[in-house]
Amino acid sequence: MKLAEQIKPISYLKAHAAEIIRIMTEQREPMIITQNGEAKVVIQDIESYEKTQQTMALLKIMALGNTQITQGNVQPATAVFQRLRNKKTI
């Protein structure tokens, strides 16, 4: 993806909205919209957006896990499994 090709002024968005949606759905690449020569927003197709959100959620979970490990807030897997088994029988 060449980023320079994906930068469009807001006037282009207004005039070609349907075409932009079609192209973005096919190519799955984000587009940067400028206003007065300044980048203002990024638009992308819904599938790419959902994948990005899932990736961010996984990264947050991994960061939380790393923080807990660093702080020593961990338990042996055998203890966790035993606790889960005990809860299941209650």
PDB file of N, CA and C in Angstrom:
ATOM      1  N   MET A   1       0.845  -1.177   0.000  1.00  0.00           N
ATOM      2  CA  MET A   1       0.000   0.000   0.000  1.00  0.00           C
ATOM      3  C   MET A   1       0.887   1.235   0.000  1.00  0.00           C
ATOM      4  N   LYS A   2       0.654   2.105  -0.940  1.00  0.00           N
ATOM      5  CA  LYS A   2       1.344   3.389  -0.972  1.00  0.00           C
ATOM      6  C   LYS A   2       0.449   4.402  -0.277  1.00  0.00           C
ATOM      7  N   LEU A   3       0.926   4.892   0.846  1.00  0.00           N
ATOM      8  CA  LEU A   3       0.126   5.796   1.657  1.00  0.00           C
ATOM      9  C   LEU A   3      -0.256   7.056   0.887  1.00  0.00           C
ATOM     10  N   ALA A   4       0.642   7.553   0.067  1.00  0.00           N
ATOM     11  CA  ALA A   4       0.369   8.776  -0.688  1.00  0.00           C
ATOM     12  C   ALA A   4      -0.851   8.636  -1.592  1.00  0.00           C
ATOM     13  N   GLU A   5      -1.099   7.430  -2.078  1.00  0.00           N
ATOM     14  CA  GLU A   5      -2.259   7.199  -2.948  1.00  0.00           C
ATOM     15  C   GLU A   5      -3.559   7.120  -2.159  1.00  0.00           C
ATOM     16  N   GLN A   6      -3.458   6.963  -0.862  1.00  0.00           N
ATOM     17  CA  GLN A   6      -4.635   6.809  -0.019  1.00  0.00           C
ATOM     18  C   GLN A   6      -4.989   8.094   0.727  1.00  0.00           C
ATOM     19  N   ILE A   7      -4.413   9.213   0.347  1.00  0.00           N
ATOM     20  CA  ILE A   7      -4.715  10.499   0.972  1.00  0.00           C
ATOM     21  C   ILE A   7      -5.593  11.291   0.016  1.00  0.00           C
ATOM     22  N   LYS A   8      -6.769  11.679   0.488  1.00  0.00           N
ATOM     23  CA  LYS A   8      -7.718  12.406  -0.346  1.00  0.00           C
ATOM     24  C   LYS A   8      -8.299  13.583   0.432  1.00  0.00           C
ATOM     25  N   PRO A   9      -8.614  14.682  -0.261  1.00  0.00           N
ATOM     26  CA  PRO A   9      -9.254  15.810   0.419  1.00  0.00           C
ATOM     27  C   PRO A   9     -10.726  15.493   0.711  1.00  0.00           C
ATOM     28  N   ILE A  10     -11.282  16.203   1.651  1.00  0.00           N
ATOM     29  CA  ILE A  10     -12.670  15.967   2.038  1.00  0.00           C
ATOM     30  C   ILE A  10     -13.625  16.195   0.860  1.00  0.00           C
ATOM     31  N   SER A  11     -13.273  17.080  -0.032  1.00  0.00           N
ATOM     32  CA  SER A  11     -14.125  17.332  -1.200  1.00  0.00           C
ATOM     33  C   SER A  11     -14.225  16.083  -2.080  1.00  0.00           C
ATOM     34  N   TYR A  12     -13.130  15.328  -2.172  1.00  0.00           N
ATOM     35  CA  TYR A  12     -13.144  14.082  -2.942  1.00  0.00           C
ATOM     36  C   TYR A  12     -14.077  13.077  -2.269  1.00  0.00           C
ATOM     37  N   LEU A  13     -14.017  13.006  -0.951  1.00  0.00           N
ATOM     38  CA  LEU A  13     -14.904  12.106  -0.209  1.00  0.00           C
ATOM     39  C   LEU A  13     -16.363  12.463  -0.469  1.00  0.00           C
ATOM     40  N   LYS A  14     -16.686  13.732  -0.413  1.00  0.00           N
ATOM     41  CA  LYS A  14     -18.065  14.177  -0.633  1.00  0.00           C
ATOM     42  C   LYS A  14     -18.552  13.837  -2.039  1.00  0.00           C
ATOM     43  N   ALA A  15     -17.690  14.003  -3.014  1.00  0.00           N
ATOM     44  CA  ALA A  15     -18.080  13.799  -4.410  1.00  0.00           C
ATOM     45  C   ALA A  15     -18.071  12.335  -4.836  1.00  0.00           C
ATOM     46  N   HIS A  16     -17.308  11.482  -4.149  1.00  0.00           N
ATOM     47  CA  HIS A  16     -17.133  10.102  -4.596  1.00  0.00           C
ATOM     48  C   HIS A  16     -17.394   9.076  -3.497  1.00  0.00           C
ATOM     49  N   ALA A  17     -18.288   9.355  -2.595  1.00  0.00           N
ATOM     50  CA  ALA A  17     -18.508   8.494  -1.423  1.00  0.00           C
ATOM     51  C   ALA A  17     -18.808   7.045  -1.805  1.00  0.00           C
ATOM     52  N   ALA A  18     -19.726   6.821  -2.717  1.00  0.00           N
ATOM     53  CA  ALA A  18     -20.094   5.454  -3.103  1.00  0.00           C
ATOM     54  C   ALA A  18     -18.905   4.718  -3.717  1.00  0.00           C
ATOM     55  N   GLU A  19     -18.161   5.391  -4.564  1.00  0.00           N
ATOM     56  CA  GLU A  19     -16.992   4.779  -5.191  1.00  0.00           C
ATOM     57  C   GLU A  19     -15.918   4.449  -4.147  1.00  0.00           C
ATOM     58  N   ILE A  20     -15.710   5.352  -3.206  1.00  0.00           N
ATOM     59  CA  ILE A  20     -14.722   5.127  -2.150  1.00  0.00           C
ATOM     60  C   ILE A  20     -15.102   3.908  -1.324  1.00  0.00           C
ATOM     61  N   ILE A  21     -16.358   3.787  -0.966  1.00  0.00           N
ATOM     62  CA  ILE A  21     -16.816   2.638  -0.189  1.00  0.00           C
ATOM     63  C   ILE A  21     -16.583   1.346  -0.958  1.00  0.00           C
ATOM     64  N   ARG A  22     -16.890   1.345  -2.239  1.00  0.00           N
ATOM     65  CA  ARG A  22     -16.685   0.149  -3.061  1.00  0.00           C
ATOM     66  C   ARG A  22     -15.213  -0.228  -3.114  1.00  0.00           C
ATOM     67  N   ILE A  23     -14.358   0.736  -3.365  1.00  0.00           N
ATOM     68  CA  ILE A  23     -12.920   0.485  -3.469  1.00  0.00           C
ATOM     69  C   ILE A  23     -12.354   0.012  -2.129  1.00  0.00           C
ATOM     70  N   MET A  24     -12.773   0.656  -1.050  1.00  0.00           N
ATOM     71  CA  MET A  24     -12.261   0.280   0.267  1.00  0.00           C
ATOM     72  C   MET A  24     -12.697  -1.125   0.645  1.00  0.00           C
ATOM     73  N   THR A  25     -13.891  -1.512   0.281  1.00  0.00           N
ATOM     74  CA  THR A  25     -14.383  -2.852   0.562  1.00  0.00           C
ATOM     75  C   THR A  25     -13.575  -3.888  -0.205  1.00  0.00           C
ATOM     76  N   GLU A  26     -13.200  -3.562  -1.425  1.00  0.00           N
ATOM     77  CA  GLU A  26     -12.414  -4.481  -2.254  1.00  0.00           C
ATOM     78  C   GLU A  26     -10.951  -4.536  -1.820  1.00  0.00           C
ATOM     79  N   GLN A  27     -10.346  -3.387  -1.600  1.00  0.00           N
ATOM     80  CA  GLN A  27      -8.903  -3.316  -1.349  1.00  0.00           C
ATOM     81  C   GLN A  27      -8.530  -3.475   0.120  1.00  0.00           C
ATOM     82  N   ARG A  28      -9.456  -3.217   1.018  1.00  0.00           N
ATOM     83  CA  ARG A  28      -9.219  -3.347   2.467  1.00  0.00           C
ATOM     84  C   ARG A  28      -8.040  -2.505   2.949  1.00  0.00           C
ATOM     85  N   GLU A  29      -7.937  -1.288   2.428  1.00  0.00           N
ATOM     86  CA  GLU A  29      -6.887  -0.372   2.837  1.00  0.00           C
ATOM     87  C   GLU A  29      -7.521   0.902   3.382  1.00  0.00           C
ATOM     88  N   PRO A  30      -6.964   1.468   4.434  1.00  0.00           N
ATOM     89  CA  PRO A  30      -7.528   2.695   4.999  1.00  0.00           C
ATOM     90  C   PRO A  30      -7.283   3.885   4.078  1.00  0.00           C
ATOM     91  N   MET A  31      -8.074   4.931   4.275  1.00  0.00           N
ATOM     92  CA  MET A  31      -7.907   6.158   3.504  1.00  0.00           C
ATOM     93  C   MET A  31      -7.822   7.318   4.481  1.00  0.00           C
ATOM     94  N   ILE A  32      -6.914   8.223   4.226  1.00  0.00           N
ATOM     95  CA  ILE A  32      -6.739   9.411   5.056  1.00  0.00           C
ATOM     96  C   ILE A  32      -7.455  10.568   4.366  1.00  0.00           C
ATOM     97  N   ILE A  33      -8.310  11.239   5.124  1.00  0.00           N
ATOM     98  CA  ILE A  33      -9.059  12.379   4.595  1.00  0.00           C
ATOM     99  C   ILE A  33      -8.462  13.653   5.179  1.00  0.00           C
ATOM    100  N   THR A  34      -8.183  14.596   4.281  1.00  0.00           N
ATOM    101  CA  THR A  34      -7.601  15.866   4.714  1.00  0.00           C
ATOM    102  C   THR A  34      -8.638  16.976   4.643  1.00  0.00           C
ATOM    103  N   GLN A  35      -8.407  17.988   5.459  1.00  0.00           N
ATOM    104  CA  GLN A  35      -9.229  19.200   5.428  1.00  0.00           C
ATOM    105  C   GLN A  35      -8.267  20.373   5.546  1.00  0.00           C
ATOM    106  N   ASN A  36      -8.354  21.262   4.594  1.00  0.00           N
ATOM    107  CA  ASN A  36      -7.435  22.396   4.528  1.00  0.00           C
ATOM    108  C   ASN A  36      -5.976  21.938   4.530  1.00  0.00           C
ATOM    109  N   GLY A  37      -5.712  20.831   3.830  1.00  0.00           N
ATOM    110  CA  GLY A  37      -4.357  20.320   3.684  1.00  0.00           C
ATOM    111  C   GLY A  37      -3.810  19.569   4.885  1.00  0.00           C
ATOM    112  N   GLU A  38      -4.626  19.394   5.906  1.00  0.00           N
ATOM    113  CA  GLU A  38      -4.200  18.708   7.127  1.00  0.00           C
ATOM    114  C   GLU A  38      -4.944  17.393   7.272  1.00  0.00           C
ATOM    115  N   ALA A  39      -4.234  16.328   7.613  1.00  0.00           N
ATOM    116  CA  ALA A  39      -4.873  15.039   7.844  1.00  0.00           C
ATOM    117  C   ALA A  39      -5.828  15.175   9.029  1.00  0.00           C
ATOM    118  N   LYS A  40      -7.081  14.740   8.842  1.00  0.00           N
ATOM    119  CA  LYS A  40      -8.094  14.889   9.898  1.00  0.00           C
ATOM    120  C   LYS A  40      -8.663  13.558  10.366  1.00  0.00           C
ATOM    121  N   VAL A  41      -8.961  12.655   9.428  1.00  0.00           N
ATOM    122  CA  VAL A  41      -9.559  11.379   9.807  1.00  0.00           C
ATOM    123  C   VAL A  41      -9.013  10.253   8.934  1.00  0.00           C
ATOM    124  N   VAL A  42      -9.166   9.045   9.452  1.00  0.00           N
ATOM    125  CA  VAL A  42      -8.841   7.843   8.698  1.00  0.00           C
ATOM    126  C   VAL A  42     -10.125   7.039   8.600  1.00  0.00           C
ATOM    127  N   ILE A  43     -10.448   6.582   7.405  1.00  0.00           N
ATOM    128  CA  ILE A  43     -11.622   5.730   7.235  1.00  0.00           C
ATOM    129  C   ILE A  43     -11.154   4.364   6.732  1.00  0.00           C
ATOM    130  N   GLN A  44     -11.896   3.329   7.119  1.00  0.00           N
ATOM    131  CA  GLN A  44     -11.554   1.982   6.680  1.00  0.00           C
ATOM    132  C   GLN A  44     -12.817   1.134   6.624  1.00  0.00           C
ATOM    133  N   ASP A  45     -12.741   0.016   5.913  1.00  0.00           N
ATOM    134  CA  ASP A  45     -13.877  -0.877   5.802  1.00  0.00           C
ATOM    135  C   ASP A  45     -14.114  -1.565   7.141  1.00  0.00           C
ATOM    136  N   ILE A  46     -15.327  -2.040   7.352  1.00  0.00           N
ATOM    137  CA  ILE A  46     -15.724  -2.588   8.645  1.00  0.00           C
ATOM    138  C   ILE A  46     -14.938  -3.849   9.006  1.00  0.00           C
ATOM    139  N   GLU A  47     -14.659  -4.713   8.042  1.00  0.00           N
ATOM    140  CA  GLU A  47     -13.925  -5.942   8.340  1.00  0.00           C
ATOM    141  C   GLU A  47     -12.519  -5.630   8.856  1.00  0.00           C
ATOM    142  N   SER A  48     -11.855  -4.700   8.222  1.00  0.00           N
ATOM    143  CA  SER A  48     -10.518  -4.299   8.683  1.00  0.00           C
ATOM    144  C   SER A  48     -10.593  -3.650  10.056  1.00  0.00           C
ATOM    145  N   TYR A  49     -11.622  -2.844  10.285  1.00  0.00           N
ATOM    146  CA  TYR A  49     -11.805  -2.198  11.579  1.00  0.00           C
ATOM    147  C   TYR A  49     -11.985  -3.239  12.679  1.00  0.00           C
ATOM    148  N   GLU A  50     -12.832  -4.238  12.424  1.00  0.00           N
ATOM    149  CA  GLU A  50     -13.074  -5.281  13.417  1.00  0.00           C
ATOM    150  C   GLU A  50     -11.797  -6.071  13.716  1.00  0.00           C
ATOM    151  N   LYS A  51     -11.025  -6.373  12.681  1.00  0.00           N
ATOM    152  CA  LYS A  51      -9.763  -7.077  12.894  1.00  0.00           C
ATOM    153  C   LYS A  51      -8.801  -6.233  13.729  1.00  0.00           C
ATOM    154  N   THR A  52      -8.762  -4.942  13.458  1.00  0.00           N
ATOM    155  CA  THR A  52      -7.911  -4.037  14.221  1.00  0.00           C
ATOM    156  C   THR A  52      -8.336  -4.022  15.684  1.00  0.00           C
ATOM    157  N   GLN A  53      -9.635  -3.965  15.928  1.00  0.00           N
ATOM    158  CA  GLN A  53     -10.138  -3.945  17.304  1.00  0.00           C
ATOM    159  C   GLN A  53      -9.814  -5.249  18.037  1.00  0.00           C
ATOM    160  N   GLN A  54      -9.948  -6.376  17.341  1.00  0.00           N
ATOM    161  CA  GLN A  54      -9.606  -7.663  17.947  1.00  0.00           C
ATOM    162  C   GLN A  54      -8.120  -7.731  18.285  1.00  0.00           C
ATOM    163  N   THR A  55      -7.296  -7.244  17.372  1.00  0.00           N
ATOM    164  CA  THR A  55      -5.854  -7.228  17.605  1.00  0.00           C
ATOM    165  C   THR A  55      -5.517  -6.355  18.809  1.00  0.00           C
ATOM    166  N   MET A  56      -6.138  -5.189  18.905  1.00  0.00           N
ATOM    167  CA  MET A  56      -5.895  -4.300  20.040  1.00  0.00           C
ATOM    168  C   MET A  56      -6.320  -4.951  21.350  1.00  0.00           C
ATOM    169  N   ALA A  57      -7.451  -5.652  21.342  1.00  0.00           N
ATOM    170  CA  ALA A  57      -7.921  -6.327  22.559  1.00  0.00           C
ATOM    171  C   ALA A  57      -6.921  -7.395  22.992  1.00  0.00           C
ATOM    172  N   LEU A  58      -6.420  -8.180  22.046  1.00  0.00           N
ATOM    173  CA  LEU A  58      -5.430  -9.205  22.373  1.00  0.00           C
ATOM    174  C   LEU A  58      -4.136  -8.593  22.907  1.00  0.00           C
ATOM    175  N   LEU A  59      -3.707  -7.498  22.315  1.00  0.00           N
ATOM    176  CA  LEU A  59      -2.492  -6.825  22.786  1.00  0.00           C
ATOM    177  C   LEU A  59      -2.674  -6.296  24.207  1.00  0.00           C
ATOM    178  N   LYS A  60      -3.863  -5.785  24.502  1.00  0.00           N
ATOM    179  CA  LYS A  60      -4.138  -5.302  25.863  1.00  0.00           C
ATOM    180  C   LYS A  60      -4.102  -6.451  26.865  1.00  0.00           C
ATOM    181  N   ILE A  61      -4.666  -7.590  26.489  1.00  0.00           N
ATOM    182  CA  ILE A  61      -4.650  -8.762  27.365  1.00  0.00           C
ATOM    183  C   ILE A  61      -3.211  -9.219  27.601  1.00  0.00           C
ATOM    184  N   MET A  62      -2.414  -9.239  26.544  1.00  0.00           N
ATOM    185  CA  MET A  62      -1.013  -9.643  26.682  1.00  0.00           C
ATOM    186  C   MET A  62      -0.242  -8.667  27.573  1.00  0.00           C
ATOM    187  N   ALA A  63      -0.493  -7.371  27.409  1.00  0.00           N
ATOM    188  CA  ALA A  63       0.186  -6.367  28.235  1.00  0.00           C
ATOM    189  C   ALA A  63      -0.209  -6.524  29.698  1.00  0.00           C
ATOM    190  N   LEU A  64      -1.478  -6.789  29.946  1.00  0.00           N
ATOM    191  CA  LEU A  64      -1.940  -7.006  31.312  1.00  0.00           C
ATOM    192  C   LEU A  64      -1.260  -8.237  31.912  1.00  0.00           C
ATOM    193  N   GLY A  65      -1.190  -9.308  31.131  1.00  0.00           N
ATOM    194  CA  GLY A  65      -0.512 -10.520  31.583  1.00  0.00           C
ATOM    195  C   GLY A  65       0.947 -10.274  31.898  1.00  0.00           C
ATOM    196  N   ASN A  66       1.630  -9.529  31.047  1.00  0.00           N
ATOM    197  CA  ASN A  66       3.050  -9.213  31.296  1.00  0.00           C
ATOM    198  C   ASN A  66       3.215  -8.380  32.563  1.00  0.00           C
ATOM    199  N   THR A  67       2.293  -7.448  32.789  1.00  0.00           N
ATOM    200  CA  THR A  67       2.340  -6.628  34.005  1.00  0.00           C
ATOM    201  C   THR A  67       2.153  -7.498  35.235  1.00  0.00           C
ATOM    202  N   GLN A  68       1.209  -8.418  35.172  1.00  0.00           N
ATOM    203  CA  GLN A  68       0.970  -9.310  36.308  1.00  0.00           C
ATOM    204  C   GLN A  68       2.177 -10.207  36.574  1.00  0.00           C
ATOM    205  N   ILE A  69       2.814 -10.684  35.536  1.00  0.00           N
ATOM    206  CA  ILE A  69       4.016 -11.512  35.700  1.00  0.00           C
ATOM    207  C   ILE A  69       5.128 -10.695  36.346  1.00  0.00           C
ATOM    208  N   THR A  70       5.328  -9.476  35.848  1.00  0.00           N
ATOM    209  CA  THR A  70       6.370  -8.600  36.392  1.00  0.00           C
ATOM    210  C   THR A  70       6.136  -8.307  37.876  1.00  0.00           C
ATOM    211  N   GLN A  71       4.868  -8.148  38.247  1.00  0.00           N
ATOM    212  CA  GLN A  71       4.528  -7.844  39.637  1.00  0.00           C
ATOM    213  C   GLN A  71       4.487  -9.100  40.507  1.00  0.00           C
ATOM    214  N   GLY A  72       4.708 -10.246  39.909  1.00  0.00           N
ATOM    215  CA  GLY A  72       4.703 -11.493  40.668  1.00  0.00           C
ATOM    216  C   GLY A  72       3.305 -11.983  41.008  1.00  0.00           C
ATOM    217  N   ASN A  73       2.317 -11.465  40.342  1.00  0.00           N
ATOM    218  CA  ASN A  73       0.925 -11.836  40.591  1.00  0.00           C
ATOM    219  C   ASN A  73       0.558 -13.038  39.715  1.00  0.00           C
ATOM    220  N   VAL A  74       1.181 -14.180  40.007  1.00  0.00           N
ATOM    221  CA  VAL A  74       0.958 -15.389  39.219  1.00  0.00           C
ATOM    222  C   VAL A  74       0.713 -16.573  40.153  1.00  0.00           C
ATOM    223  N   GLN A  75       0.118 -17.615  39.607  1.00  0.00           N
ATOM    224  CA  GLN A  75      -0.131 -18.845  40.350  1.00  0.00           C
ATOM    225  C   GLN A  75       0.245 -20.017  39.462  1.00  0.00           C
ATOM    226  N   PRO A  76       0.665 -21.119  40.072  1.00  0.00           N
ATOM    227  CA  PRO A  76       0.954 -22.302  39.264  1.00  0.00           C
ATOM    228  C   PRO A  76      -0.321 -22.793  38.571  1.00  0.00           C
ATOM    229  N   ALA A  77      -0.165 -23.286  37.364  1.00  0.00           N
ATOM    230  CA  ALA A  77      -1.321 -23.761  36.600  1.00  0.00           C
ATOM    231  C   ALA A  77      -2.069 -24.863  37.341  1.00  0.00           C
ATOM    232  N   THR A  78      -1.349 -25.739  38.036  1.00  0.00           N
ATOM    233  CA  THR A  78      -2.018 -26.833  38.754  1.00  0.00           C
ATOM    234  C   THR A  78      -2.963 -26.295  39.817  1.00  0.00           C
ATOM    235  N   ALA A  79      -2.568 -25.213  40.496  1.00  0.00           N
ATOM    236  CA  ALA A  79      -3.430 -24.611  41.520  1.00  0.00           C
ATOM    237  C   ALA A  79      -4.675 -24.000  40.892  1.00  0.00           C
ATOM    238  N   VAL A  80      -4.518 -23.363  39.757  1.00  0.00           N
ATOM    239  CA  VAL A  80      -5.658 -22.745  39.069  1.00  0.00           C
ATOM    240  C   VAL A  80      -6.628 -23.826  38.598  1.00  0.00           C
ATOM    241  N   PHE A  81      -6.110 -24.882  37.995  1.00  0.00           N
ATOM    242  CA  PHE A  81      -6.980 -25.966  37.522  1.00  0.00           C
ATOM    243  C   PHE A  81      -7.716 -26.632  38.679  1.00  0.00           C
ATOM    244  N   GLN A  82      -7.035 -26.822  39.790  1.00  0.00           N
ATOM    245  CA  GLN A  82      -7.676 -27.433  40.958  1.00  0.00           C
ATOM    246  C   GLN A  82      -8.799 -26.535  41.479  1.00  0.00           C
ATOM    247  N   ARG A  83      -8.541 -25.222  41.535  1.00  0.00           N
ATOM    248  CA  ARG A  83      -9.570 -24.287  41.993  1.00  0.00           C
ATOM    249  C   ARG A  83     -10.783 -24.335  41.050  1.00  0.00           C
ATOM    250  N   LEU A  84     -10.548 -24.403  39.761  1.00  0.00           N
ATOM    251  CA  LEU A  84     -11.650 -24.475  38.791  1.00  0.00           C
ATOM    252  C   LEU A  84     -12.434 -25.793  38.966  1.00  0.00           C
ATOM    253  N   ARG A  85     -11.735 -26.873  39.168  1.00  0.00           N
ATOM    254  CA  ARG A  85     -12.418 -28.162  39.384  1.00  0.00           C
ATOM    255  C   ARG A  85     -13.287 -28.100  40.647  1.00  0.00           C
ATOM    256  N   ASN A  86     -12.775 -27.503  41.693  1.00  0.00           N
ATOM    257  CA  ASN A  86     -13.527 -27.377  42.939  1.00  0.00           C
ATOM    258  C   ASN A  86     -14.783 -26.545  42.756  1.00  0.00           C
ATOM    259  N   LYS A  87     -14.702 -25.473  41.981  1.00  0.00           N
ATOM    260  CA  LYS A  87     -15.860 -24.619  41.721  1.00  0.00           C
ATOM    261  C   LYS A  87     -16.914 -25.374  40.911  1.00  0.00           C
ATOM    262  N   LYS A  88     -16.467 -26.220  39.990  1.00  0.00           N
ATOM    263  CA  LYS A  88     -17.377 -26.952  39.114  1.00  0.00           C
ATOM    264  C   LYS A  88     -18.215 -27.951  39.906  1.00  0.00           C
ATOM    265  N   THR A  89     -17.671 -28.527  40.959  1.00  0.00           N
ATOM    266  CA  THR A  89     -18.401 -29.533  41.730  1.00  0.00           C
ATOM    267  C   THR A  89     -19.332 -28.915  42.762  1.00  0.00           C
ATOM    268  N   ILE A  90     -19.199 -27.640  43.001  1.00  0.00           N
ATOM    269  CA  ILE A  90     -20.044 -26.969  44.008  1.00  0.00           C
ATOM    270  C   ILE A  90     -21.405 -26.665  43.447  1.00  0.00           C
TER     271      ILE A  90
END
